[in-house]
Amino acid sequence: MQERDGLEARLRGMEEALERIGTSFDERAIWRELAGFVFRTLCDAAAVDVIGQGGRSHRVAVAGPADLLDGLPTEAAHAVRARDEGHPVHAYTGRGTEGSVHLVSVPLIGRGKLYGRLLAVRTRGGFSDHETATLHFAARLACVHIGHVRRLATTEKIALDLQRALVAEPGRPHPNLDVSSRYLPVGPRALVGGDWFETVRLHFGRTLLVVGDVMGHGLEAAVDMNAYRSLLRDVASTDLAPHRVLRQLDTLSAADDNRRPATCLIVRVDPARGLAVYASAGHLPPAVFTADGPGELLDVPVGPPLGTGIGGYEAVALPITADQTILLYTDGLVERRGEDIDTSLARLAALRMTTGAGVSEVVDAVCDGLDARHAEDDVAVLAARLRPRPPHEPAGSAVHPVGSAQ
């Protein structure tokens, strides 16, 4: 009867451990959950010691009276630590500051890696075999979750490093254009997205400005982002009009069943003509800022996202002057949970720039004004402004011939 009661208590403890341990993606929180579970169900005090850099152990979680743990005889604690790696569970019975104590030390091991140890102390009778088994189960469960968290962190770092490397190296525009960009990941614990931007030099002093956003997050989104960017460079080299570039990107991407859809906004800036040609694949509208008033959202025809194979893209040509700054961005800049997108866009358009602000200062003002560093998604911003031609430069140096490709 006693054996059955012990087994039932063990099963109940394991069920509670499954529910209570591993509820977050934070290592310290998991260790605290482990110590808390052990304290509530099995002992008078519990602690988790984790091995850090240099092999030194430090305490990351305590549950219950800390003096029970601090009062352990030094030789007992050292003996348990020395034997942790070679044995699954160790017990010690002796006297501490509160009288007779019973200590169990369980090594924290996951996939052959020793993370540290779990200590459980109580002043009443020793731990039964079923209780010791529950301690061991809880420790292994926590280690499984820690392993998952660390592998996820590694994947996130790879994706973030890849994305930063790609986004941080856009092509150089022509000297007749001032360009500034910014990429802000949503946070170190978040799954990285597929936001990107690019600039491509074209013939006759023209520059192609591009911002895109692959749907989804994670390493796969970052890989697809790289694929879209590579395709964009290849297609743009043919000097097609922006809406035809989108059509080609859509066709090529739709042929790959594993490619995620993406939104994209393209602007071909022609400083010699004072003209900018816009085309959009499911992307939010560009904005234009001057120094004498609020911004303006441009009315650009919006086609379906890339990768759908639907096509149907259109372009619109609008004049651009030297006092205007074109702003392209991804949805993380403006979208807020529970807010209508029109309200979000109106907030962007209401921003005012200071007189004499450079292109990089416009980007700073937009990111600060919309609190982009605390956005709920990744943010990519690309801004451009015509650079005045030096007086000595020949007026016809960047003339666009009538018969060039459109």
Protein backbone atom coordinates (compact mmCIF):
# COMPACT_ATOMS: atom_id res chain seq x y z
CA MET A 1 0.00 0.00 0.00
CA GLN A 2 2.80 2.40 0.93
CA GLU A 3 4.62 1.56 -2.30
CA ARG A 4 1.50 2.28 -4.34
CA ASP A 5 0.94 5.60 -2.57
CA GLY A 6 4.55 6.54 -3.29
CA LEU A 7 4.19 5.64 -6.95
CA GLU A 8 0.97 7.66 -7.28
CA ALA A 9 2.63 10.67 -5.64
CA ARG A 10 5.54 10.28 -8.04
CA LEU A 11 3.23 10.28 -11.06
CA ARG A 12 1.37 13.34 -9.77
CA GLY A 13 4.67 15.10 -9.25
CA MET A 14 5.81 14.32 -12.79
CA GLU A 15 2.55 15.63 -14.21
CA GLU A 16 2.93 18.88 -12.27
CA ALA A 17 6.55 19.19 -13.38
CA LEU A 18 5.48 18.90 -17.03
CA GLU A 19 3.01 21.72 -16.49
CA ARG A 20 5.17 24.04 -14.39
CA ILE A 21 8.65 23.76 -15.89
CA GLY A 22 9.59 25.24 -19.28
CA THR A 23 6.83 27.83 -19.74
CA SER A 24 9.15 30.47 -21.26
CA PHE A 25 12.18 30.85 -23.53
CA ASP A 26 14.30 32.43 -20.81
CA GLU A 27 16.99 30.25 -19.20
CA ARG A 28 16.88 31.86 -15.78
CA ALA A 29 13.09 31.61 -15.73
CA ILE A 30 13.32 27.86 -16.41
CA TRP A 31 15.84 27.37 -13.61
CA ARG A 32 13.57 29.36 -11.27
CA GLU A 33 10.63 27.19 -12.29
CA LEU A 34 12.66 24.07 -11.49
CA ALA A 35 13.68 25.34 -8.04
CA GLY A 36 10.13 26.51 -7.33
CA PHE A 37 8.57 23.18 -8.28
CA VAL A 38 11.02 21.21 -6.10
CA PHE A 39 10.46 23.56 -3.15
CA ARG A 40 6.67 23.40 -3.37
CA THR A 41 6.44 19.62 -3.68
CA LEU A 42 9.48 17.95 -2.14
CA CYS A 43 11.65 20.00 0.22
CA ASP A 44 12.17 22.98 2.52
CA ALA A 45 14.60 24.81 0.22
CA ALA A 46 15.98 24.34 -3.30
CA ALA A 47 18.65 25.95 -5.43
CA VAL A 48 20.09 25.68 -8.92
CA ASP A 49 23.83 26.18 -9.48
CA VAL A 50 24.90 26.61 -13.11
CA ILE A 51 28.41 26.25 -14.52
CA GLY A 52 29.48 29.46 -16.20
CA GLN A 53 32.51 30.60 -18.15
CA GLY A 54 35.78 29.26 -16.84
CA GLY A 55 33.98 26.33 -15.22
CA ARG A 56 32.95 28.38 -12.19
CA SER A 57 29.57 27.61 -10.64
CA HIS A 58 27.12 30.36 -9.72
CA ARG A 59 23.65 30.23 -8.18
CA VAL A 60 20.89 31.30 -10.56
CA ALA A 61 17.75 30.27 -8.65
CA VAL A 62 16.70 29.82 -5.00
CA ALA A 63 13.33 28.81 -3.58
CA GLY A 64 12.63 28.64 0.15
CA PRO A 65 14.78 29.87 3.05
CA ALA A 66 18.24 30.65 1.70
CA ASP A 67 19.83 30.10 5.11
CA LEU A 68 19.10 26.36 4.87
CA LEU A 69 21.26 26.26 1.76
CA ASP A 70 23.90 28.65 3.03
CA GLY A 71 24.20 26.71 6.27
CA LEU A 72 25.34 23.47 4.65
CA PRO A 73 28.72 22.23 5.85
CA THR A 74 31.38 23.27 3.33
CA GLU A 75 32.84 19.80 3.06
CA ALA A 76 29.41 18.31 2.26
CA ALA A 77 28.73 20.81 -0.54
CA HIS A 78 32.17 20.27 -2.04
CA ALA A 79 31.85 16.50 -1.86
CA VAL A 80 28.53 16.59 -3.66
CA ARG A 81 29.90 18.93 -6.34
CA ALA A 82 32.90 16.72 -6.96
CA ARG A 83 30.75 13.66 -7.54
CA ASP A 84 27.94 15.26 -9.58
CA GLU A 85 29.36 14.49 -13.01
CA GLY A 86 29.99 10.82 -12.33
CA HIS A 87 26.75 9.85 -10.57
CA PRO A 88 23.11 10.65 -11.32
CA VAL A 89 21.99 11.54 -7.76
CA HIS A 90 23.82 12.07 -4.46
CA ALA A 91 22.48 12.42 -0.93
CA TYR A 92 24.01 13.80 2.25
CA THR A 93 22.68 13.71 5.78
CA GLY A 94 24.33 15.73 8.54
CA ARG A 95 23.98 18.87 10.61
CA GLY A 96 23.57 22.42 9.41
CA THR A 97 22.74 25.72 11.11
CA GLU A 98 19.14 24.54 11.57
CA GLY A 99 20.06 21.13 13.00
CA SER A 100 19.79 17.87 11.09
CA VAL A 101 19.55 18.35 7.32
CA HIS A 102 19.07 16.05 4.36
CA LEU A 103 20.55 17.16 1.06
CA VAL A 104 20.06 15.70 -2.40
CA SER A 105 22.15 16.92 -5.32
CA VAL A 106 21.07 16.09 -8.86
CA PRO A 107 23.36 16.90 -11.82
CA LEU A 108 21.73 18.96 -14.55
CA ILE A 109 22.63 17.06 -17.72
CA GLY A 110 21.15 17.43 -21.20
CA ARG A 111 22.43 15.72 -24.36
CA GLY A 112 25.62 14.81 -22.53
CA LYS A 113 26.30 18.39 -21.43
CA LEU A 114 26.60 19.21 -17.72
CA TYR A 115 24.80 22.49 -17.00
CA GLY A 116 25.22 22.44 -13.22
CA ARG A 117 23.34 20.90 -10.29
CA LEU A 118 20.02 21.01 -8.47
CA LEU A 119 20.13 21.07 -4.66
CA ALA A 120 17.17 20.06 -2.52
CA VAL A 121 17.31 20.36 1.30
CA ARG A 122 14.89 19.53 4.06
CA THR A 123 15.06 19.21 7.82
CA ARG A 124 12.58 16.38 8.23
CA GLY A 125 13.20 12.77 7.15
CA GLY A 126 15.31 11.80 4.17
CA PHE A 127 14.12 11.54 0.56
CA SER A 128 12.42 8.33 -0.55
CA ASP A 129 13.31 6.56 -3.78
CA HIS A 130 10.14 7.90 -5.43
CA GLU A 131 10.93 11.46 -4.32
CA THR A 132 14.48 11.15 -5.57
CA ALA A 133 13.16 9.88 -8.90
CA THR A 134 10.85 12.89 -9.13
CA LEU A 135 13.79 15.22 -8.48
CA HIS A 136 15.73 13.51 -11.22
CA PHE A 137 12.78 13.73 -13.65
CA ALA A 138 12.28 17.45 -12.95
CA ALA A 139 16.00 18.13 -13.45
CA ARG A 140 16.10 16.28 -16.78
CA LEU A 141 12.92 18.03 -17.93
CA ALA A 142 14.42 21.44 -17.20
CA CYS A 143 17.59 20.48 -19.08
CA VAL A 144 15.55 19.44 -22.13
CA HIS A 145 13.91 22.87 -22.17
CA ILE A 146 17.24 24.63 -21.67
CA GLY A 147 18.63 22.69 -24.64
CA HIS A 148 15.70 23.81 -26.79
CA VAL A 149 16.16 27.43 -25.72
CA ARG A 150 19.88 27.39 -26.54
CA ARG A 151 19.34 25.77 -29.93
CA LEU A 152 16.65 28.32 -30.73
CA ALA A 153 19.00 31.12 -29.70
CA THR A 154 21.67 29.71 -32.00
CA THR A 155 19.23 29.56 -34.93
CA GLU A 156 18.06 33.10 -34.24
CA LYS A 157 21.65 34.35 -34.12
CA ILE A 158 22.46 32.70 -37.46
CA ALA A 159 19.36 34.23 -39.05
CA LEU A 160 20.00 37.65 -37.53
CA ASP A 161 23.68 37.63 -38.53
CA LEU A 162 22.72 36.61 -42.06
CA GLN A 163 20.09 39.30 -42.31
CA ARG A 164 22.31 42.01 -40.86
CA ALA A 165 25.14 41.06 -43.22
CA LEU A 166 22.84 41.23 -46.23
CA VAL A 167 20.92 44.35 -45.25
CA ALA A 168 24.05 46.19 -44.17
CA GLU A 169 25.58 45.95 -47.63
CA PRO A 170 23.23 47.45 -50.21
CA GLY A 171 24.66 48.48 -53.54
CA ARG A 172 25.96 52.02 -53.94
CA PRO A 173 23.69 54.50 -55.72
CA HIS A 174 24.90 57.02 -58.24
CA PRO A 175 26.66 60.09 -56.80
CA ASN A 176 23.67 62.21 -57.84
CA LEU A 177 21.60 60.64 -55.04
CA ASP A 178 21.97 60.87 -51.25
CA VAL A 179 20.80 57.66 -49.56
CA SER A 180 20.44 56.59 -45.93
CA SER A 181 19.11 53.33 -44.50
CA ARG A 182 18.32 51.71 -41.18
CA TYR A 183 17.59 48.16 -40.05
CA LEU A 184 16.21 47.53 -36.55
CA PRO A 185 15.49 43.94 -35.44
CA VAL A 186 12.52 43.63 -33.12
CA GLY A 187 14.58 42.12 -30.27
CA PRO A 188 17.22 39.56 -29.37
CA ARG A 189 14.71 36.90 -28.38
CA ALA A 190 12.41 37.32 -31.33
CA LEU A 191 12.43 35.25 -34.49
CA VAL A 192 14.10 37.35 -37.12
CA GLY A 193 12.00 38.45 -40.09
CA GLY A 194 12.68 38.87 -43.80
CA ASP A 195 12.95 42.66 -44.10
CA TRP A 196 15.49 44.00 -46.60
CA PHE A 197 16.41 46.93 -48.81
CA GLU A 198 18.62 47.43 -51.83
CA THR A 199 19.92 50.09 -54.23
CA VAL A 200 20.94 49.25 -57.80
CA ARG A 201 22.81 51.51 -60.23
CA LEU A 202 21.24 51.75 -63.66
CA HIS A 203 22.40 53.42 -66.86
CA PHE A 204 22.24 57.18 -67.45
CA GLY A 205 22.54 58.19 -63.77
CA ARG A 206 19.40 56.41 -62.62
CA THR A 207 19.15 54.39 -59.39
CA LEU A 208 16.70 51.71 -58.36
CA LEU A 209 15.54 51.86 -54.71
CA VAL A 210 13.96 48.68 -53.32
CA VAL A 211 12.42 47.62 -50.00
CA GLY A 212 10.97 44.15 -49.41
CA ASP A 213 9.52 42.00 -46.65
CA VAL A 214 9.35 38.20 -46.81
CA MET A 215 6.35 36.81 -44.99
CA GLY A 216 7.11 34.88 -41.80
CA HIS A 217 10.11 34.75 -39.49
CA GLY A 218 13.12 32.61 -38.76
CA LEU A 219 16.09 31.31 -40.68
CA GLU A 220 13.92 30.27 -43.67
CA ALA A 221 12.61 33.84 -44.04
CA ALA A 222 16.16 35.20 -43.98
CA VAL A 223 17.23 32.68 -46.64
CA ASP A 224 14.27 33.59 -48.86
CA MET A 225 15.07 37.25 -48.34
CA ASN A 226 18.54 36.59 -49.74
CA ALA A 227 17.01 34.77 -52.73
CA TYR A 228 14.66 37.66 -53.53
CA ARG A 229 17.49 40.14 -53.24
CA SER A 230 19.71 38.13 -55.58
CA LEU A 231 16.88 37.81 -58.11
CA LEU A 232 16.24 41.53 -57.88
CA ARG A 233 19.84 42.33 -58.78
CA ASP A 234 19.77 40.00 -61.78
CA VAL A 235 16.44 41.25 -63.11
CA ALA A 236 17.26 44.93 -62.48
CA SER A 237 20.41 44.61 -64.60
CA THR A 238 18.17 44.23 -67.67
CA ASP A 239 16.99 47.84 -67.11
CA LEU A 240 13.30 47.00 -67.19
CA ALA A 241 10.69 49.44 -65.88
CA PRO A 242 9.84 48.90 -62.14
CA HIS A 243 6.50 47.16 -62.78
CA ARG A 244 8.19 44.80 -65.26
CA VAL A 245 10.88 44.03 -62.69
CA LEU A 246 8.11 43.02 -60.27
CA ARG A 247 6.49 40.87 -62.95
CA GLN A 248 9.75 39.00 -63.52
CA LEU A 249 10.37 38.56 -59.78
CA ASP A 250 6.85 37.22 -59.32
CA THR A 251 7.17 34.71 -62.17
CA LEU A 252 10.56 33.42 -61.06
CA SER A 253 9.56 33.19 -57.40
CA ALA A 254 6.24 31.46 -58.11
CA ALA A 255 8.17 28.69 -59.91
CA ASP A 256 9.77 27.73 -56.58
CA ASP A 257 7.16 25.97 -54.43
CA ASN A 258 9.28 26.47 -51.31
CA ARG A 259 9.65 30.24 -51.74
CA ARG A 260 7.64 32.32 -49.31
CA PRO A 261 5.60 35.24 -50.68
CA ALA A 262 7.00 38.71 -50.16
CA THR A 263 5.90 42.31 -50.49
CA CYS A 264 8.12 44.69 -52.42
CA LEU A 265 8.24 48.37 -53.37
CA ILE A 266 10.47 49.62 -56.21
CA VAL A 267 11.33 53.21 -57.12
CA ARG A 268 13.43 54.16 -60.15
CA VAL A 269 14.87 57.61 -59.55
CA ASP A 270 16.00 59.64 -62.58
CA PRO A 271 17.68 62.85 -61.32
CA ALA A 272 18.29 64.20 -64.84
CA ARG A 273 14.57 64.24 -65.54
CA GLY A 274 13.46 64.96 -61.97
CA LEU A 275 11.27 61.88 -62.14
CA ALA A 276 10.61 58.88 -59.91
CA VAL A 277 8.73 55.79 -61.14
CA TYR A 278 7.02 53.67 -58.47
CA ALA A 279 5.64 50.10 -58.50
CA SER A 280 4.35 48.03 -55.59
CA ALA A 281 3.79 44.34 -54.91
CA GLY A 282 1.51 44.34 -51.86
CA HIS A 283 3.67 46.87 -50.02
CA LEU A 284 2.74 49.92 -47.95
CA PRO A 285 2.88 53.28 -49.79
CA PRO A 286 6.07 55.36 -49.89
CA ALA A 287 6.18 58.74 -48.19
CA VAL A 288 7.74 62.03 -49.27
CA PHE A 289 8.98 64.64 -46.79
CA THR A 290 9.97 68.27 -47.29
CA ALA A 291 11.23 70.79 -44.75
CA ASP A 292 8.16 73.02 -44.85
CA GLY A 293 5.33 70.75 -43.74
CA PRO A 294 4.13 67.26 -42.91
CA GLY A 295 4.87 64.22 -45.02
CA GLU A 296 2.77 62.92 -47.89
CA LEU A 297 1.82 59.31 -48.64
CA LEU A 298 2.05 58.66 -52.37
CA ASP A 299 -0.78 56.94 -54.23
CA VAL A 300 0.96 53.98 -55.89
CA PRO A 301 -0.96 51.14 -57.61
CA VAL A 302 -0.63 48.00 -55.48
CA GLY A 303 -0.35 44.57 -57.07
CA PRO A 304 -0.29 41.17 -55.33
CA PRO A 305 2.73 40.03 -53.29
CA LEU A 306 5.62 38.40 -55.12
CA GLY A 307 5.61 34.62 -55.41
CA THR A 308 1.87 34.29 -56.03
CA GLY A 309 2.21 34.08 -59.83
CA ILE A 310 -0.80 36.39 -60.30
CA GLY A 311 1.05 39.37 -61.76
CA GLY A 312 -0.85 42.50 -62.72
CA TYR A 313 1.64 45.19 -61.63
CA GLU A 314 1.41 48.84 -62.65
CA ALA A 315 3.76 51.80 -62.36
CA VAL A 316 3.21 55.49 -61.72
CA ALA A 317 5.67 58.30 -62.57
CA LEU A 318 5.79 61.32 -60.25
CA PRO A 319 8.04 64.38 -60.24
CA ILE A 320 10.73 64.70 -57.59
CA THR A 321 12.53 67.87 -56.56
CA ALA A 322 15.78 68.45 -54.69
CA ASP A 323 13.98 69.46 -51.47
CA GLN A 324 12.03 66.17 -51.23
CA THR A 325 13.10 63.00 -49.44
CA ILE A 326 11.58 59.71 -50.58
CA LEU A 327 11.02 57.25 -47.72
CA LEU A 328 10.52 53.51 -48.22
CA TYR A 329 9.90 51.26 -45.21
CA THR A 330 8.57 47.90 -44.03
CA ASP A 331 5.39 47.47 -42.03
CA GLY A 332 7.19 47.16 -38.69
CA LEU A 333 7.80 50.92 -38.76
CA VAL A 334 4.12 51.87 -38.66
CA GLU A 335 1.94 48.90 -37.70
CA ARG A 336 0.79 48.58 -34.09
CA ARG A 337 -1.27 45.74 -32.66
CA GLY A 338 -4.99 46.53 -32.49
CA GLU A 339 -4.66 49.74 -34.54
CA ASP A 340 -6.15 50.37 -37.97
CA ILE A 341 -3.43 50.66 -40.62
CA ASP A 342 -4.83 53.98 -41.86
CA THR A 343 -4.29 55.42 -38.39
CA SER A 344 -0.74 54.09 -38.37
CA LEU A 345 0.04 55.59 -41.77
CA ALA A 346 -1.49 58.91 -40.78
CA ARG A 347 0.93 59.05 -37.83
CA LEU A 348 3.84 58.67 -40.25
CA ALA A 349 2.53 61.35 -42.61
CA ALA A 350 2.01 63.79 -39.72
CA LEU A 351 5.73 63.86 -38.88
CA ARG A 352 7.54 67.13 -39.66
CA MET A 353 11.20 67.45 -40.56
CA THR A 354 13.42 70.27 -39.37
CA THR A 355 14.75 72.79 -41.88
CA GLY A 356 18.09 71.69 -43.32
CA ALA A 357 17.78 68.07 -42.13
CA GLY A 358 19.92 65.68 -44.15
CA VAL A 359 18.74 62.30 -45.41
CA SER A 360 20.17 60.43 -42.44
CA GLU A 361 18.54 62.95 -40.10
CA VAL A 362 15.19 62.30 -41.79
CA VAL A 363 15.62 58.58 -41.11
CA ASP A 364 16.49 59.35 -37.48
CA ALA A 365 13.47 61.62 -37.11
CA VAL A 366 11.10 59.01 -38.55
CA CYS A 367 12.47 56.18 -36.40
CA ASP A 368 12.38 58.34 -33.27
CA GLY A 369 8.98 59.82 -34.03
CA LEU A 370 7.42 56.36 -34.44
CA ASP A 371 9.48 54.76 -31.63
CA ALA A 372 10.84 52.21 -34.08
CA ARG A 373 13.26 50.75 -31.55
CA HIS A 374 10.27 49.39 -29.62
CA ALA A 375 8.33 48.22 -32.67
CA GLU A 376 6.49 44.90 -32.66
CA ASP A 377 8.22 43.69 -35.83
CA ASP A 378 11.50 44.21 -37.64
CA VAL A 379 11.96 47.63 -39.24
CA ALA A 380 13.78 48.45 -42.48
CA VAL A 381 13.91 52.03 -43.76
CA LEU A 382 15.47 53.44 -46.94
CA ALA A 383 15.48 57.16 -47.74
CA ALA A 384 16.81 59.04 -50.77
CA ARG A 385 17.12 62.64 -51.97
CA LEU A 386 18.49 64.22 -55.14
CA ARG A 387 21.97 65.62 -54.69
CA PRO A 388 22.39 69.07 -56.28
CA ARG A 389 24.71 69.02 -59.29
CA PRO A 390 27.95 70.98 -58.81
CA PRO A 391 28.05 74.15 -60.97
CA HIS A 392 31.04 72.89 -62.99
CA GLU A 393 29.35 69.60 -63.97
CA PRO A 394 28.14 69.56 -67.61
CA ALA A 395 24.37 69.74 -67.81
CA GLY A 396 24.16 66.86 -70.27
CA SER A 397 26.29 64.41 -68.31
CA ALA A 398 23.29 62.35 -67.23
CA VAL A 399 20.82 62.91 -70.08
CA HIS A 400 18.40 60.02 -70.54
CA PRO A 401 18.13 59.11 -74.26
CA VAL A 402 14.70 58.74 -75.75
CA GLY A 403 15.30 55.24 -77.02
CA SER A 404 16.47 53.67 -73.76
CA ALA A 405 14.78 50.60 -72.29
CA GLN A 406 11.56 51.19 -70.40
